Every structure is written in C-alpha cells, then in structure tokens.
Protein backbone atom coordinates (compact mmCIF):
# COMPACT_ATOMS: atom_id res chain seq x y z
CA UNK A 1 -23.07 112.40 72.84
CA UNK A 2 -21.75 116.01 72.26
CA UNK A 3 -21.42 116.74 75.72
CA UNK A 4 -19.24 113.49 75.92
CA UNK A 5 -17.32 114.43 72.79
CA UNK A 6 -16.56 118.00 74.48
CA UNK A 7 -15.68 116.36 77.61
CA UNK A 8 -13.37 114.07 75.69
CA UNK A 9 -12.10 116.94 73.98
CA UNK A 10 -11.35 119.13 76.65
CA UNK A 11 -9.98 116.07 78.44
CA UNK A 12 -7.69 115.50 75.54
CA UNK A 13 -6.72 119.21 75.67
CA UNK A 14 -6.07 119.03 79.26
CA UNK A 15 -4.05 115.61 79.01
CA UNK A 16 -2.05 117.18 75.88
CA UNK A 17 -1.54 120.38 77.71
CA UNK A 18 -0.57 118.27 81.05
CA UNK A 19 1.81 116.12 78.52
CA UNK A 20 3.59 119.36 77.06
CA UNK A 21 3.88 120.72 80.76
CA UNK A 22 5.34 117.37 81.97
CA UNK A 23 7.53 116.91 78.73
CA UNK A 24 9.89 119.57 79.81
CA UNK A 25 10.52 118.45 83.19
CA UNK A 26 10.75 114.68 81.93
CA UNK A 27 13.47 116.10 79.34
CA UNK A 28 15.48 117.80 82.22
CA UNK A 29 15.02 114.57 84.31
CA UNK A 30 16.28 112.43 81.50
CA UNK A 31 19.20 114.65 80.79
CA UNK A 32 19.98 115.02 84.53
CA UNK A 33 19.70 111.17 84.68
CA UNK A 34 22.03 111.09 81.64
CA UNK A 35 24.39 113.48 83.57
CA UNK A 36 24.15 111.29 86.74
CA UNK A 37 25.07 108.35 84.87
CA UNK A 38 28.41 109.96 83.27
CA UNK A 39 29.01 111.45 86.85
CA UNK A 40 28.71 107.62 87.98
CA UNK A 41 30.72 106.45 85.52
CA UNK A 42 33.45 108.92 85.99
CA UNK A 43 33.14 108.55 89.88
CA UNK A 44 33.96 104.90 89.27
CA UNK A 45 37.19 105.71 87.14
CA UNK A 46 37.98 108.40 89.61
CA UNK A 47 37.79 106.00 92.66
CA UNK A 48 39.96 103.50 90.47
CA UNK A 49 42.30 106.10 89.79
CA UNK A 50 42.45 107.27 93.33
CA UNK A 51 43.07 103.70 94.46
CA UNK A 52 45.89 103.48 92.08
CA UNK A 53 47.37 106.83 93.04
CA UNK A 54 47.56 105.91 96.92
CA UNK A 55 49.14 102.45 96.02
CA UNK A 56 51.74 104.60 93.95
CA UNK A 57 51.98 107.10 96.65
CA UNK A 58 52.64 104.38 99.09
CA UNK A 59 55.35 102.76 96.80
CA UNK A 60 57.09 106.22 96.53
CA UNK A 61 57.00 106.79 100.05
CA UNK A 62 58.77 103.49 100.93
CA UNK A 63 61.34 104.24 97.88
CA UNK A 64 61.65 108.00 99.58
CA UNK A 65 62.29 106.67 103.02
CA UNK A 66 64.80 104.00 101.47
CA UNK A 67 66.63 106.85 99.91
CA UNK A 68 66.63 108.76 102.81
CA UNK A 69 68.10 105.96 104.92
CA UNK A 70 70.87 105.30 102.24
CA UNK A 71 71.55 108.91 102.04
CA UNK A 72 72.30 109.42 105.87
CA UNK A 73 74.32 106.01 105.44
CA UNK A 74 76.49 107.73 102.85
CA UNK A 75 76.76 111.02 104.58
CA UNK A 76 78.08 109.08 107.69
CA UNK A 77 80.62 107.36 105.54
CA UNK A 78 81.43 110.70 103.77
CA UNK A 79 82.01 112.15 106.93
CA UNK A 80 84.39 109.28 107.92
CA UNK A 81 86.32 109.57 105.11
CA UNK A 82 86.69 113.27 105.45
CA UNK A 83 88.21 112.73 108.76
CA UNK A 84 90.51 109.83 107.64
CA UNK A 85 91.61 112.21 104.63
CA UNK A 86 92.40 114.97 107.03
CA UNK A 87 94.41 112.66 109.51
CA UNK A 88 96.09 111.20 106.42
CA UNK A 89 97.16 114.87 105.34
CA UNK A 90 98.12 115.95 108.61
CA UNK A 91 100.41 113.02 109.07
CA UNK A 92 101.81 113.40 105.49
CA UNK A 93 102.37 117.19 106.41
CA UNK A 94 104.38 116.13 109.73
CA UNK A 95 106.59 113.55 107.79
CA UNK A 96 107.52 116.09 105.08
CA UNK A 97 108.50 118.41 107.49
CA UNK A 98 110.65 115.71 109.31
CA UNK A 99 111.95 114.61 106.22
CA UNK A 100 113.08 118.33 105.17
CA UNK A 101 114.19 118.72 108.84
CA UNK A 102 116.32 115.83 108.41
CA UNK A 103 117.54 116.52 104.98
CA UNK A 104 118.42 119.76 105.92
CA UNK A 105 120.63 118.55 108.67
CA UNK A 106 122.27 116.03 106.19
CA UNK A 107 123.03 118.91 103.98
CA UNK A 108 124.56 120.92 106.57
CA UNK A 109 126.53 117.87 107.66
CA UNK A 110 127.49 117.27 103.79
CA UNK A 111 128.37 120.76 103.62
CA UNK A 112 130.44 120.76 106.53
CA UNK A 113 132.31 117.65 105.14
CA UNK A 114 133.03 119.14 101.85
CA UNK A 115 134.10 122.47 103.56
CA UNK A 116 136.37 120.44 105.82
CA UNK A 117 138.04 118.41 102.68
CA UNK A 118 138.63 121.35 100.92
CA UNK A 119 140.42 122.65 103.98
CA UNK A 120 142.40 119.64 104.41
CA UNK A 121 143.41 119.49 100.71
CA UNK A 122 144.50 123.39 100.88
CA UNK A 123 146.64 122.39 104.01
CA UNK A 124 148.50 119.29 102.47
CA UNK A 125 148.82 121.31 99.17
CA UNK A 126 150.61 123.90 101.41
CA UNK A 127 152.58 121.45 103.13
CA UNK A 128 153.66 119.42 100.17
CA UNK A 129 154.92 122.90 98.25
CA UNK A 130 156.98 123.66 101.46
CA UNK A 131 158.26 120.36 101.81
CA UNK A 132 159.31 120.33 97.94
CA UNK A 133 161.12 123.49 98.58
CA UNK A 134 162.84 122.83 101.40
CA UNK A 135 164.33 119.59 100.46
CA UNK A 136 165.28 120.28 96.84
CA UNK A 137 164.23 116.82 96.24
CA UNK A 138 165.45 114.65 93.27
CA UNK A 139 163.11 115.21 90.08
CA UNK A 140 162.21 111.36 89.93
CA UNK A 141 161.21 111.51 93.46
CA UNK A 142 159.21 114.51 93.15
CA UNK A 143 157.66 112.98 90.03
CA UNK A 144 156.74 109.90 92.07
CA UNK A 145 155.47 111.98 94.79
CA UNK A 146 153.34 114.04 92.41
CA UNK A 147 151.82 111.19 90.79
CA UNK A 148 150.93 109.35 94.14
CA UNK A 149 149.42 112.99 95.25
CA UNK A 150 147.52 113.43 92.08
CA UNK A 151 146.09 110.18 92.65
CA UNK A 152 145.19 110.89 96.14
CA UNK A 153 143.59 114.51 94.71
CA UNK A 154 141.71 112.73 92.24
CA UNK A 155 140.39 110.08 94.74
CA UNK A 156 139.67 113.22 97.18
CA UNK A 157 137.85 114.97 94.18
CA UNK A 158 135.88 112.12 93.48
CA UNK A 159 134.68 111.67 97.24
CA UNK A 160 133.79 115.47 97.08
CA UNK A 161 131.89 115.05 93.74
CA UNK A 162 129.87 112.30 95.41
CA UNK A 163 129.17 114.34 98.43
CA UNK A 164 128.14 117.14 96.36
CA UNK A 165 125.98 114.53 94.24
CA UNK A 166 124.35 113.26 97.31
CA UNK A 167 123.78 116.93 98.47
CA UNK A 168 122.07 117.75 95.42
CA UNK A 169 119.86 114.47 95.49
CA UNK A 170 118.77 115.56 99.18
CA UNK A 171 118.13 119.27 98.02
CA UNK A 172 116.27 118.06 95.27
CA UNK A 173 114.26 115.75 97.48
CA UNK A 174 113.35 118.68 100.02
CA UNK A 175 112.29 120.81 97.11
CA UNK A 176 110.20 118.56 95.44
CA UNK A 177 108.47 118.02 98.89
C-alpha cells in the first residue's frame, strides 16, 4: 500500500506539476481568446463603420458630380453673360462716340449761327446809323424806328440766348458722356 501511496503521491505531484505547467499556457490561451473576442467585436464594429462610410462616400460622390455639373453650367452662363456684357459695352461706346460726333457737329452749326446773327446785327446797326445820319430824320420817326429796332434786337437777342442755351445743353451732354 505504501507503494501505491507513493505512486499516488508521485502521480499527484506529476499531475500538480503538469497542472502548473499547463496553467500558464491556459492563461495565455484564455487571454488570447478574450483578445480575439474583443478583436471580433471591433471587427464587426469596423465592418459596420466601413459599410456606413462607403454609403456616405457614394452619396458624397453623387453630390460632387452634381456640383461639378452645376459648376460647368454656371461657368458657361458666366462666359455667355461676359460676352453679352462686352458686346453691350462696345455698342455703348460706339453710340457715345456717335452722339459726341453729332453733338460736336451741332455745336459747330450753332456757333456758326450765333456768329452769323451777330454779324448781321452789327451790319444792320451800321446801316441804321448811316441811314439816320443821311436823312436827318424826324425825332418821332426816329423814336418809333428805334423802338422797332429795339424790339427786333430784343427778339434777336432772345434767339441768340436760346441758341447759346442749346449749345450749352449739347456741350454738357457731350462732356457727361
């Protein structure tokens, strides 16, 4: 029985030793199992996250395509509007030049009319003076004639003022353009 007991003790010692020897790998295996469970959980989360990210990426790519298309359309419209603006500006400049040329011509015509009227007035004034000197006319007749001439002069002066006003308006329009 002693032998049996020794064998049992030896067997127990061997089993205890084997237990100790296997406990460490078991602990490592259990820890590795826990780690793998965590990795599996993280893998599942990452898989769901990847799926969601791919879906968001697809939506963003569609939005990007739409924005690129809208950008292209807006660029084309911008180019067209710029072209129209340039055409309108060129037409505007041509019209301004035309108006300036026409108003310049009108200014010259008006100035010539004013000069002509002044010359005629001076000639008439000289003629009147000569007629009055030569005729030794009646003072009443001279007064009537003078009144008529003053009315005529006033009328002509009004015409001159109107022409000068027209000239000033045209000149102002030209300067503003």
